[in-house]
Amino acid sequence: MNCSVVVPVYKGATTLQPLLERLEQVLPKVASNYEVILVNDGSPDDSWSVIDRLVTGREWVRGISLMRNYGQENATLCGILEARYEVIVTMDDDLQHCPEELPRLVDRLNEGYDVVYAVPRQRHQSWWRTLFSATVKWAISSVMGLRTVRDISSYKVFRSSLREAFTASTGPDVQIDVLLSWVTTRIVSVDVDDAPRTAGSSNYGLLKLIKVSLLILTNYTTIPLRFASIVGFAFTILGILVLLYVLSVYFTQGSIPGFSFLASTVTIFSGVQLFALGIIGEYLARVFDRSSGRPPYAIQRRVGGGN
């Protein structure tokens, strides 16, 4: 078996060397030929200088520098499309994904699966990050529609033949896991040990996690639109009931008391309308992004691997 490891790099100057040293010990055990592709995603530190230095003397390491920061998913997509071998591994650069777990993932892949996720047994992060990460993964899993996958992770192994799904996706917004689920249902997860972060902090804050959830739900599924339709229908029924109530009060009492009731009703219905318009606006934004012709990434420089 031959294997390509894709690592998106952002503020990873201090972790890249130990990561490569550990991969150098593990990869010969699982692959006859292998490569590691380090994709610098416009990192503001000296990650690219470190990559340029690490490829020296390592024919199996390649470095790609993007023109600017495009995001983890876009940088990962770049590495996937550049991979040369039939099995692709994606993992983070922060040493939380243990390379020593890779043989277990490959063994599971060899059982006939197309995608194998590495799911941490214990997550070393704050409660609020765990909560919002679970929300994002619920959104992705809902779009994927796969009950066999208990969890997803950026640490995964899959067959390079699945890359055909990526060519059909246009625009700057990319979600690798959803694209993989479009072409196969032979997906499984494996429990692995997840190491605590040794340097830096996560680049996914609260606002970014919310943005990712909205992007997934409005870019790959029509669930929000259907939800808006259901809410609109429910409030239409409520409006009819309110009208019947107002008419009954008018004909029985001769007047309609309760300004606060009227004001609250108008406020609720206005909020529902704005909510529905907001969902439609998100979909229009996705259409604009896809039709704008913006690429998901642009490569500035390559080093190593015969480049």
C-alpha atoms as a PDB file:
ATOM      1  CA  MET A   1       0.000   0.000   0.000  1.00  0.00           C
ATOM      2  CA  ASN A   2       1.099   3.557  -0.739  1.00  0.00           C
ATOM      3  CA  CYS A   3       0.032   6.458   1.449  1.00  0.00           C
ATOM      4  CA  SER A   4      -0.155  10.268   1.306  1.00  0.00           C
ATOM      5  CA  VAL A   5      -0.473  12.249   4.541  1.00  0.00           C
ATOM      6  CA  VAL A   6      -1.982  15.733   4.212  1.00  0.00           C
ATOM      7  CA  VAL A   7      -1.351  18.234   7.023  1.00  0.00           C
ATOM      8  CA  PRO A   8      -2.856  21.758   6.811  1.00  0.00           C
ATOM      9  CA  VAL A   9      -0.497  24.106   8.629  1.00  0.00           C
ATOM     10  CA  TYR A  10      -1.481  27.251  10.491  1.00  0.00           C
ATOM     11  CA  LYS A  11       0.725  28.560  13.318  1.00  0.00           C
ATOM     12  CA  GLY A  12       2.467  25.213  13.440  1.00  0.00           C
ATOM     13  CA  ALA A  13       6.092  26.307  13.496  1.00  0.00           C
ATOM     14  CA  THR A  14       6.813  24.634  16.848  1.00  0.00           C
ATOM     15  CA  THR A  15       5.008  21.352  16.214  1.00  0.00           C
ATOM     16  CA  LEU A  16       5.954  20.419  12.649  1.00  0.00           C
ATOM     17  CA  GLN A  17       9.358  18.904  13.392  1.00  0.00           C
ATOM     18  CA  PRO A  18       8.180  16.550  16.176  1.00  0.00           C
ATOM     19  CA  LEU A  19       5.192  15.605  14.020  1.00  0.00           C
ATOM     20  CA  LEU A  20       7.435  14.621  11.107  1.00  0.00           C
ATOM     21  CA  GLU A  21       9.782  12.710  13.404  1.00  0.00           C
ATOM     22  CA  ARG A  22       6.870  10.641  14.705  1.00  0.00           C
ATOM     23  CA  LEU A  23       5.462  10.095  11.210  1.00  0.00           C
ATOM     24  CA  GLU A  24       8.884   8.963  10.060  1.00  0.00           C
ATOM     25  CA  GLN A  25       8.703   6.157  12.616  1.00  0.00           C
ATOM     26  CA  VAL A  26       5.121   5.112  11.818  1.00  0.00           C
ATOM     27  CA  LEU A  27       4.729   5.409   8.032  1.00  0.00           C
ATOM     28  CA  PRO A  28       7.221   2.664   7.055  1.00  0.00           C
ATOM     29  CA  LYS A  29       5.110   0.228   9.097  1.00  0.00           C
ATOM     30  CA  VAL A  30       1.940   0.860   7.089  1.00  0.00           C
ATOM     31  CA  ALA A  31       3.071   1.787   3.568  1.00  0.00           C
ATOM     32  CA  SER A  32       5.633   0.725   0.997  1.00  0.00           C
ATOM     33  CA  ASN A  33       5.782   4.242  -0.430  1.00  0.00           C
ATOM     34  CA  TYR A  34       4.603   7.325   1.401  1.00  0.00           C
ATOM     35  CA  GLU A  35       4.669  11.103   1.376  1.00  0.00           C
ATOM     36  CA  VAL A  36       3.745  13.929   3.721  1.00  0.00           C
ATOM     37  CA  ILE A  37       2.236  17.078   2.214  1.00  0.00           C
ATOM     38  CA  LEU A  38       2.472  20.162   4.443  1.00  0.00           C
ATOM     39  CA  VAL A  39       0.083  22.882   3.220  1.00  0.00           C
ATOM     40  CA  ASN A  40       0.882  26.300   4.660  1.00  0.00           C
ATOM     41  CA  ASP A  41      -2.460  28.107   4.921  1.00  0.00           C
ATOM     42  CA  GLY A  42      -1.168  31.675   5.023  1.00  0.00           C
ATOM     43  CA  SER A  43       0.256  31.154   8.497  1.00  0.00           C
ATOM     44  CA  PRO A  44       1.365  34.433  10.155  1.00  0.00           C
ATOM     45  CA  ASP A  45       4.301  32.822  11.966  1.00  0.00           C
ATOM     46  CA  ASP A  46       7.400  31.310  10.371  1.00  0.00           C
ATOM     47  CA  SER A  47       5.706  27.998   9.518  1.00  0.00           C
ATOM     48  CA  TRP A  48       6.765  28.252   5.880  1.00  0.00           C
ATOM     49  CA  SER A  49      10.426  28.756   6.839  1.00  0.00           C
ATOM     50  CA  VAL A  50      10.180  25.655   9.006  1.00  0.00           C
ATOM     51  CA  ILE A  51       8.590  23.673   6.154  1.00  0.00           C
ATOM     52  CA  ASP A  52      11.289  24.870   3.756  1.00  0.00           C
ATOM     53  CA  ARG A  53      13.921  23.638   6.182  1.00  0.00           C
ATOM     54  CA  LEU A  54      12.246  20.315   6.983  1.00  0.00           C
ATOM     55  CA  VAL A  55      11.944  19.180   3.357  1.00  0.00           C
ATOM     56  CA  THR A  56      15.728  19.295   3.033  1.00  0.00           C
ATOM     57  CA  GLY A  57      17.010  15.736   3.163  1.00  0.00           C
ATOM     58  CA  ARG A  58      13.513  14.291   3.268  1.00  0.00           C
ATOM     59  CA  GLU A  59      12.414  13.226  -0.209  1.00  0.00           C
ATOM     60  CA  TRP A  60       9.100  12.042   1.195  1.00  0.00           C
ATOM     61  CA  VAL A  61       8.093  15.499   2.446  1.00  0.00           C
ATOM     62  CA  ARG A  62       6.523  18.151   0.214  1.00  0.00           C
ATOM     63  CA  GLY A  63       5.610  21.713   1.092  1.00  0.00           C
ATOM     64  CA  ILE A  64       2.889  23.865  -0.489  1.00  0.00           C
ATOM     65  CA  SER A  65       2.337  27.503   0.411  1.00  0.00           C
ATOM     66  CA  LEU A  66      -1.012  29.120  -0.368  1.00  0.00           C
ATOM     67  CA  MET A  67      -1.351  32.747  -1.399  1.00  0.00           C
ATOM     68  CA  ARG A  68      -3.240  33.634   1.794  1.00  0.00           C
ATOM     69  CA  ASN A  69      -5.300  32.075   4.567  1.00  0.00           C
ATOM     70  CA  TYR A  70      -8.228  30.176   3.006  1.00  0.00           C
ATOM     71  CA  GLY A  71      -9.249  28.028   5.961  1.00  0.00           C
ATOM     72  CA  GLN A  72      -8.461  24.518   7.170  1.00  0.00           C
ATOM     73  CA  GLU A  73     -10.894  22.732   4.858  1.00  0.00           C
ATOM     74  CA  ASN A  74      -9.587  24.559   1.771  1.00  0.00           C
ATOM     75  CA  ALA A  75      -5.958  23.868   2.669  1.00  0.00           C
ATOM     76  CA  THR A  76      -6.835  20.218   3.244  1.00  0.00           C
ATOM     77  CA  LEU A  77      -8.557  20.078  -0.143  1.00  0.00           C
ATOM     78  CA  CYS A  78      -5.391  21.428  -1.763  1.00  0.00           C
ATOM     79  CA  GLY A  79      -3.294  18.677  -0.202  1.00  0.00           C
ATOM     80  CA  ILE A  80      -5.817  15.999  -1.151  1.00  0.00           C
ATOM     81  CA  LEU A  81      -5.831  17.030  -4.793  1.00  0.00           C
ATOM     82  CA  GLU A  82      -2.008  17.104  -4.797  1.00  0.00           C
ATOM     83  CA  ALA A  83      -1.660  13.635  -3.241  1.00  0.00           C
ATOM     84  CA  ARG A  84       0.065  11.001  -5.388  1.00  0.00           C
ATOM     85  CA  TYR A  85      -0.881   7.737  -3.670  1.00  0.00           C
ATOM     86  CA  GLU A  86      -4.035   5.644  -3.406  1.00  0.00           C
ATOM     87  CA  VAL A  87      -4.625   6.072   0.338  1.00  0.00           C
ATOM     88  CA  ILE A  88      -4.889   9.559   1.829  1.00  0.00           C
ATOM     89  CA  VAL A  89      -4.565  10.520   5.494  1.00  0.00           C
ATOM     90  CA  THR A  90      -5.581  13.939   6.812  1.00  0.00           C
ATOM     91  CA  MET A  91      -4.518  15.147  10.245  1.00  0.00           C
ATOM     92  CA  ASP A  92      -3.883  18.371  12.168  1.00  0.00           C
ATOM     93  CA  ASP A  93      -0.489  19.926  12.834  1.00  0.00           C
ATOM     94  CA  ASP A  94      -0.923  20.470  16.608  1.00  0.00           C
ATOM     95  CA  LEU A  95       0.148  16.952  17.723  1.00  0.00           C
ATOM     96  CA  GLN A  96      -3.297  16.187  19.148  1.00  0.00           C
ATOM     97  CA  HIS A  97      -3.732  13.563  16.435  1.00  0.00           C
ATOM     98  CA  CYS A  98      -1.360  10.756  17.360  1.00  0.00           C
ATOM     99  CA  PRO A  99       0.490   9.292  14.348  1.00  0.00           C
ATOM    100  CA  GLU A 100       0.900   6.074  16.327  1.00  0.00           C
ATOM    101  CA  GLU A 101      -2.823   5.381  15.850  1.00  0.00           C
ATOM    102  CA  LEU A 102      -2.439   5.351  12.065  1.00  0.00           C
ATOM    103  CA  PRO A 103      -1.844   1.563  11.705  1.00  0.00           C
ATOM    104  CA  ARG A 104      -5.222   0.881  13.376  1.00  0.00           C
ATOM    105  CA  LEU A 105      -6.980   3.183  10.930  1.00  0.00           C
ATOM    106  CA  VAL A 106      -5.292   1.564   7.946  1.00  0.00           C
ATOM    107  CA  ASP A 107      -6.176  -1.916   9.197  1.00  0.00           C
ATOM    108  CA  ARG A 108      -9.815  -0.870   9.433  1.00  0.00           C
ATOM    109  CA  LEU A 109      -9.668   0.581   5.922  1.00  0.00           C
ATOM    110  CA  ASN A 110      -8.334  -2.736   4.631  1.00  0.00           C
ATOM    111  CA  GLU A 111     -11.467  -4.464   5.925  1.00  0.00           C
ATOM    112  CA  GLY A 112     -13.360  -3.026   2.977  1.00  0.00           C
ATOM    113  CA  TYR A 113     -14.239   0.496   4.075  1.00  0.00           C
ATOM    114  CA  ASP A 114     -13.641   3.642   2.059  1.00  0.00           C
ATOM    115  CA  VAL A 115     -13.378   6.170   4.894  1.00  0.00           C
ATOM    116  CA  VAL A 116     -12.195   5.626   8.475  1.00  0.00           C
ATOM    117  CA  TYR A 117     -12.501   8.392  11.091  1.00  0.00           C
ATOM    118  CA  ALA A 118     -10.331   8.569  14.203  1.00  0.00           C
ATOM    119  CA  VAL A 119     -12.623   9.551  17.090  1.00  0.00           C
ATOM    120  CA  PRO A 120     -10.973  10.660  20.358  1.00  0.00           C
ATOM    121  CA  ARG A 121     -11.981   8.692  23.436  1.00  0.00           C
ATOM    122  CA  GLN A 122     -11.498  11.812  25.553  1.00  0.00           C
ATOM    123  CA  ARG A 123     -11.405  15.404  24.312  1.00  0.00           C
ATOM    124  CA  HIS A 124      -8.902  17.769  25.906  1.00  0.00           C
ATOM    125  CA  GLN A 125     -10.857  21.008  25.547  1.00  0.00           C
ATOM    126  CA  SER A 126     -13.222  23.299  27.450  1.00  0.00           C
ATOM    127  CA  TRP A 127     -16.890  22.433  27.937  1.00  0.00           C
ATOM    128  CA  TRP A 128     -18.138  25.199  25.652  1.00  0.00           C
ATOM    129  CA  ARG A 129     -15.848  24.085  22.824  1.00  0.00           C
ATOM    130  CA  THR A 130     -17.055  20.519  23.305  1.00  0.00           C
ATOM    131  CA  LEU A 131     -20.656  21.732  23.124  1.00  0.00           C
ATOM    132  CA  PHE A 132     -20.250  23.812  19.974  1.00  0.00           C
ATOM    133  CA  SER A 133     -17.985  21.242  18.308  1.00  0.00           C
ATOM    134  CA  ALA A 134     -20.710  18.686  18.911  1.00  0.00           C
ATOM    135  CA  THR A 135     -23.192  21.091  17.290  1.00  0.00           C
ATOM    136  CA  VAL A 136     -21.011  21.442  14.199  1.00  0.00           C
ATOM    137  CA  LYS A 137     -20.556  17.688  13.965  1.00  0.00           C
ATOM    138  CA  TRP A 138     -24.297  17.164  14.399  1.00  0.00           C
ATOM    139  CA  ALA A 139     -24.834  19.502  11.449  1.00  0.00           C
ATOM    140  CA  ILE A 140     -22.327  17.587   9.317  1.00  0.00           C
ATOM    141  CA  SER A 141     -23.707  14.195  10.352  1.00  0.00           C
ATOM    142  CA  SER A 142     -27.259  15.364   9.568  1.00  0.00           C
ATOM    143  CA  VAL A 143     -26.197  16.371   6.089  1.00  0.00           C
ATOM    144  CA  MET A 144     -24.262  13.133   5.624  1.00  0.00           C
ATOM    145  CA  GLY A 145     -27.245  11.067   6.775  1.00  0.00           C
ATOM    146  CA  LEU A 146     -25.062   8.225   8.020  1.00  0.00           C
ATOM    147  CA  ARG A 147     -26.046   6.529  11.258  1.00  0.00           C
ATOM    148  CA  THR A 148     -23.021   4.244  11.128  1.00  0.00           C
ATOM    149  CA  VAL A 149     -20.725   7.177  11.920  1.00  0.00           C
ATOM    150  CA  ARG A 150     -20.916   8.092  15.606  1.00  0.00           C
ATOM    151  CA  ASP A 151     -18.568  10.992  15.221  1.00  0.00           C
ATOM    152  CA  ILE A 152     -16.338  12.660  12.662  1.00  0.00           C
ATOM    153  CA  SER A 153     -12.868  14.120  12.838  1.00  0.00           C
ATOM    154  CA  SER A 154     -10.276  15.863  10.698  1.00  0.00           C
ATOM    155  CA  TYR A 155      -8.078  12.826  11.440  1.00  0.00           C
ATOM    156  CA  LYS A 156      -9.188  10.266   8.879  1.00  0.00           C
ATOM    157  CA  VAL A 157      -8.044   7.796   6.236  1.00  0.00           C
ATOM    158  CA  PHE A 158      -9.762   7.337   2.876  1.00  0.00           C
ATOM    159  CA  ARG A 159      -9.166   6.116  -0.647  1.00  0.00           C
ATOM    160  CA  SER A 160      -7.962   8.678  -3.194  1.00  0.00           C
ATOM    161  CA  SER A 161     -10.529   7.424  -5.737  1.00  0.00           C
ATOM    162  CA  LEU A 162     -13.129   9.378  -3.738  1.00  0.00           C
ATOM    163  CA  ARG A 163     -11.563  12.637  -4.911  1.00  0.00           C
ATOM    164  CA  GLU A 164     -13.909  12.604  -7.911  1.00  0.00           C
ATOM    165  CA  ALA A 165     -16.570  14.131  -5.644  1.00  0.00           C
ATOM    166  CA  PHE A 166     -14.409  17.204  -5.059  1.00  0.00           C
ATOM    167  CA  THR A 167     -14.246  18.170  -8.722  1.00  0.00           C
ATOM    168  CA  ALA A 168     -18.037  18.621  -8.797  1.00  0.00           C
ATOM    169  CA  SER A 169     -17.905  21.147  -5.968  1.00  0.00           C
ATOM    170  CA  THR A 170     -17.287  24.746  -6.992  1.00  0.00           C
ATOM    171  CA  GLY A 171     -16.850  27.890  -4.928  1.00  0.00           C
ATOM    172  CA  PRO A 172     -14.714  28.888  -1.952  1.00  0.00           C
ATOM    173  CA  ASP A 173     -16.725  27.022   0.712  1.00  0.00           C
ATOM    174  CA  VAL A 174     -15.549  23.434   1.164  1.00  0.00           C
ATOM    175  CA  GLN A 175     -16.574  20.637   3.535  1.00  0.00           C
ATOM    176  CA  ILE A 176     -14.505  17.495   3.005  1.00  0.00           C
ATOM    177  CA  ASP A 177     -16.642  15.165   5.148  1.00  0.00           C
ATOM    178  CA  VAL A 178     -19.863  15.999   3.336  1.00  0.00           C
ATOM    179  CA  LEU A 179     -18.205  15.565  -0.051  1.00  0.00           C
ATOM    180  CA  LEU A 180     -16.888  12.150   0.967  1.00  0.00           C
ATOM    181  CA  SER A 181     -20.373  11.062   2.027  1.00  0.00           C
ATOM    182  CA  TRP A 182     -21.688  11.896  -1.458  1.00  0.00           C
ATOM    183  CA  VAL A 183     -19.713   9.071  -3.054  1.00  0.00           C
ATOM    184  CA  THR A 184     -19.680   6.303  -0.452  1.00  0.00           C
ATOM    185  CA  THR A 185     -21.550   4.916   2.540  1.00  0.00           C
ATOM    186  CA  ARG A 186     -18.757   2.541   3.552  1.00  0.00           C
ATOM    187  CA  ILE A 187     -17.701   4.835   6.380  1.00  0.00           C
ATOM    188  CA  VAL A 188     -16.701   3.792   9.888  1.00  0.00           C
ATOM    189  CA  SER A 189     -15.084   5.328  12.957  1.00  0.00           C
ATOM    190  CA  VAL A 190     -12.416   4.027  15.342  1.00  0.00           C
ATOM    191  CA  ASP A 191     -11.802   5.126  18.939  1.00  0.00           C
ATOM    192  CA  VAL A 192      -8.289   6.481  19.412  1.00  0.00           C
ATOM    193  CA  ASP A 193      -6.271   8.310  22.043  1.00  0.00           C
ATOM    194  CA  ASP A 194      -6.139  12.076  21.583  1.00  0.00           C
ATOM    195  CA  ALA A 195      -3.189  13.982  23.050  1.00  0.00           C
ATOM    196  CA  PRO A 196      -3.589  17.345  24.818  1.00  0.00           C
ATOM    197  CA  ARG A 197      -2.468  20.440  22.923  1.00  0.00           C
ATOM    198  CA  THR A 198       1.213  21.175  23.644  1.00  0.00           C
ATOM    199  CA  ALA A 199       1.484  24.606  21.997  1.00  0.00           C
ATOM    200  CA  GLY A 200      -0.759  27.471  20.960  1.00  0.00           C
ATOM    201  CA  SER A 201      -4.551  27.472  21.052  1.00  0.00           C
ATOM    202  CA  SER A 202      -7.353  26.371  18.786  1.00  0.00           C
ATOM    203  CA  ASN A 203      -8.115  28.604  15.799  1.00  0.00           C
ATOM    204  CA  TYR A 204     -11.832  27.744  16.035  1.00  0.00           C
ATOM    205  CA  GLY A 205     -13.545  30.233  18.317  1.00  0.00           C
ATOM    206  CA  LEU A 206     -17.250  30.513  19.062  1.00  0.00           C
ATOM    207  CA  LEU A 207     -18.072  32.760  16.099  1.00  0.00           C
ATOM    208  CA  LYS A 208     -16.136  30.547  13.690  1.00  0.00           C
ATOM    209  CA  LEU A 209     -17.922  27.415  14.902  1.00  0.00           C
ATOM    210  CA  ILE A 210     -21.288  29.132  14.391  1.00  0.00           C
ATOM    211  CA  LYS A 211     -20.211  30.255  10.923  1.00  0.00           C
ATOM    212  CA  VAL A 212     -19.159  26.723   9.986  1.00  0.00           C
ATOM    213  CA  SER A 213     -22.504  25.324  11.169  1.00  0.00           C
ATOM    214  CA  LEU A 214     -24.440  27.853   9.076  1.00  0.00           C
ATOM    215  CA  LEU A 215     -22.228  27.207   6.066  1.00  0.00           C
ATOM    216  CA  ILE A 216     -22.799  23.455   6.225  1.00  0.00           C
ATOM    217  CA  LEU A 217     -26.548  23.691   6.743  1.00  0.00           C
ATOM    218  CA  THR A 218     -27.062  26.228   3.932  1.00  0.00           C
ATOM    219  CA  ASN A 219     -24.468  24.940   1.481  1.00  0.00           C
ATOM    220  CA  TYR A 220     -25.206  21.215   1.449  1.00  0.00           C
ATOM    221  CA  THR A 221     -28.826  20.766   2.510  1.00  0.00           C
ATOM    222  CA  THR A 222     -32.289  22.346   2.221  1.00  0.00           C
ATOM    223  CA  ILE A 223     -33.256  21.550   5.820  1.00  0.00           C
ATOM    224  CA  PRO A 224     -33.252  25.234   6.952  1.00  0.00           C
ATOM    225  CA  LEU A 225     -35.523  26.210   4.059  1.00  0.00           C
ATOM    226  CA  ARG A 226     -37.961  23.455   4.935  1.00  0.00           C
ATOM    227  CA  PHE A 227     -37.808  24.463   8.579  1.00  0.00           C
ATOM    228  CA  ALA A 228     -38.615  28.073   7.612  1.00  0.00           C
ATOM    229  CA  SER A 229     -41.564  26.811   5.550  1.00  0.00           C
ATOM    230  CA  ILE A 230     -42.887  24.769   8.470  1.00  0.00           C
ATOM    231  CA  VAL A 231     -42.510  27.704  10.868  1.00  0.00           C
ATOM    232  CA  GLY A 232     -44.229  29.992   8.354  1.00  0.00           C
ATOM    233  CA  PHE A 233     -47.123  27.561   7.955  1.00  0.00           C
ATOM    234  CA  ALA A 234     -47.470  27.153  11.728  1.00  0.00           C
ATOM    235  CA  PHE A 235     -47.621  30.897  12.271  1.00  0.00           C
ATOM    236  CA  THR A 236     -50.108  31.263   9.432  1.00  0.00           C
ATOM    237  CA  ILE A 237     -52.419  28.906  11.320  1.00  0.00           C
ATOM    238  CA  LEU A 238     -51.728  30.872  14.492  1.00  0.00           C
ATOM    239  CA  GLY A 239     -52.598  34.100  12.653  1.00  0.00           C
ATOM    240  CA  ILE A 240     -55.933  32.651  11.520  1.00  0.00           C
ATOM    241  CA  LEU A 241     -56.711  31.622  15.104  1.00  0.00           C
ATOM    242  CA  VAL A 242     -55.828  35.105  16.344  1.00  0.00           C
ATOM    243  CA  LEU A 243     -58.113  36.621  13.679  1.00  0.00           C
ATOM    244  CA  LEU A 244     -60.984  34.377  14.766  1.00  0.00           C
ATOM    245  CA  TYR A 245     -60.367  35.383  18.366  1.00  0.00           C
ATOM    246  CA  VAL A 246     -60.375  39.094  17.492  1.00  0.00           C
ATOM    247  CA  LEU A 247     -63.600  38.752  15.471  1.00  0.00           C
ATOM    248  CA  SER A 248     -65.331  36.802  18.211  1.00  0.00           C
ATOM    249  CA  VAL A 249     -64.368  39.447  20.809  1.00  0.00           C
ATOM    250  CA  TYR A 250     -65.525  42.236  18.499  1.00  0.00           C
ATOM    251  CA  PHE A 251     -68.956  40.726  17.871  1.00  0.00           C
ATOM    252  CA  THR A 252     -69.530  39.673  21.473  1.00  0.00           C
ATOM    253  CA  GLN A 253     -68.097  42.645  23.369  1.00  0.00           C
ATOM    254  CA  GLY A 254     -68.216  45.384  20.736  1.00  0.00           C
ATOM    255  CA  SER A 255     -64.556  46.385  21.209  1.00  0.00           C
ATOM    256  CA  ILE A 256     -61.119  44.803  21.079  1.00  0.00           C
ATOM    257  CA  PRO A 257     -59.142  45.551  24.271  1.00  0.00           C
ATOM    258  CA  GLY A 258     -55.489  44.823  24.798  1.00  0.00           C
ATOM    259  CA  PHE A 259     -52.917  46.951  22.989  1.00  0.00           C
ATOM    260  CA  SER A 260     -50.106  44.861  24.520  1.00  0.00           C
ATOM    261  CA  PHE A 261     -51.624  41.734  22.989  1.00  0.00           C
ATOM    262  CA  LEU A 262     -51.749  43.371  19.559  1.00  0.00           C
ATOM    263  CA  ALA A 263     -48.196  44.737  19.836  1.00  0.00           C
ATOM    264  CA  SER A 264     -46.754  41.391  20.940  1.00  0.00           C
ATOM    265  CA  THR A 265     -48.556  39.617  18.097  1.00  0.00           C
ATOM    266  CA  VAL A 266     -47.141  42.042  15.520  1.00  0.00           C
ATOM    267  CA  THR A 267     -43.663  41.660  17.023  1.00  0.00           C
ATOM    268  CA  ILE A 268     -43.786  37.866  16.893  1.00  0.00           C
ATOM    269  CA  PHE A 269     -44.981  37.752  13.296  1.00  0.00           C
ATOM    270  CA  SER A 270     -42.369  40.330  12.256  1.00  0.00           C
ATOM    271  CA  GLY A 271     -39.647  38.264  13.909  1.00  0.00           C
ATOM    272  CA  VAL A 272     -40.752  35.132  12.086  1.00  0.00           C
ATOM    273  CA  GLN A 273     -40.702  36.983   8.762  1.00  0.00           C
ATOM    274  CA  LEU A 274     -37.213  38.333   9.379  1.00  0.00           C
ATOM    275  CA  PHE A 275     -36.050  34.863  10.449  1.00  0.00           C
ATOM    276  CA  ALA A 276     -37.337  33.341   7.210  1.00  0.00           C
ATOM    277  CA  LEU A 277     -35.769  36.153   5.167  1.00  0.00           C
ATOM    278  CA  GLY A 278     -32.478  35.561   6.963  1.00  0.00           C
ATOM    279  CA  ILE A 279     -32.480  31.889   5.946  1.00  0.00           C
ATOM    280  CA  ILE A 280     -33.264  32.811   2.350  1.00  0.00           C
ATOM    281  CA  GLY A 281     -30.467  35.381   2.490  1.00  0.00           C
ATOM    282  CA  GLU A 282     -27.983  32.718   3.608  1.00  0.00           C
ATOM    283  CA  TYR A 283     -28.916  30.582   0.609  1.00  0.00           C
ATOM    284  CA  LEU A 284     -28.579  33.560  -1.726  1.00  0.00           C
ATOM    285  CA  ALA A 285     -25.108  34.167  -0.269  1.00  0.00           C
ATOM    286  CA  ARG A 286     -24.153  30.557  -1.046  1.00  0.00           C
ATOM    287  CA  VAL A 287     -25.429  30.951  -4.614  1.00  0.00           C
ATOM    288  CA  PHE A 288     -23.402  34.149  -4.984  1.00  0.00           C
ATOM    289  CA  ASP A 289     -20.249  32.455  -3.662  1.00  0.00           C
ATOM    290  CA  ARG A 290     -20.617  29.541  -6.070  1.00  0.00           C
ATOM    291  CA  SER A 291     -21.313  31.749  -9.081  1.00  0.00           C
ATOM    292  CA  SER A 292     -18.616  34.317  -8.313  1.00  0.00           C
ATOM    293  CA  GLY A 293     -15.873  32.134  -9.794  1.00  0.00           C
ATOM    294  CA  ARG A 294     -13.612  32.396  -6.739  1.00  0.00           C
ATOM    295  CA  PRO A 295     -11.324  29.357  -6.395  1.00  0.00           C
ATOM    296  CA  PRO A 296     -11.132  27.476  -3.085  1.00  0.00           C
ATOM    297  CA  TYR A 297      -7.393  28.217  -2.908  1.00  0.00           C
ATOM    298  CA  ALA A 298      -4.422  29.499  -4.904  1.00  0.00           C
ATOM    299  CA  ILE A 299      -0.910  28.067  -4.647  1.00  0.00           C
ATOM    300  CA  GLN A 300       2.028  30.422  -4.280  1.00  0.00           C
ATOM    301  CA  ARG A 301       4.987  28.059  -4.002  1.00  0.00           C
ATOM    302  CA  ARG A 302       5.976  24.401  -3.808  1.00  0.00           C
ATOM    303  CA  VAL A 303       9.086  22.842  -2.274  1.00  0.00           C
ATOM    304  CA  GLY A 304      10.397  19.290  -1.915  1.00  0.00           C
ATOM    305  CA  GLY A 305       9.311  16.091  -3.579  1.00  0.00           C
ATOM    306  CA  GLY A 306      11.017  16.922  -6.869  1.00  0.00           C
ATOM    307  CA  ASN A 307       9.259  20.283  -7.245  1.00  0.00           C
END
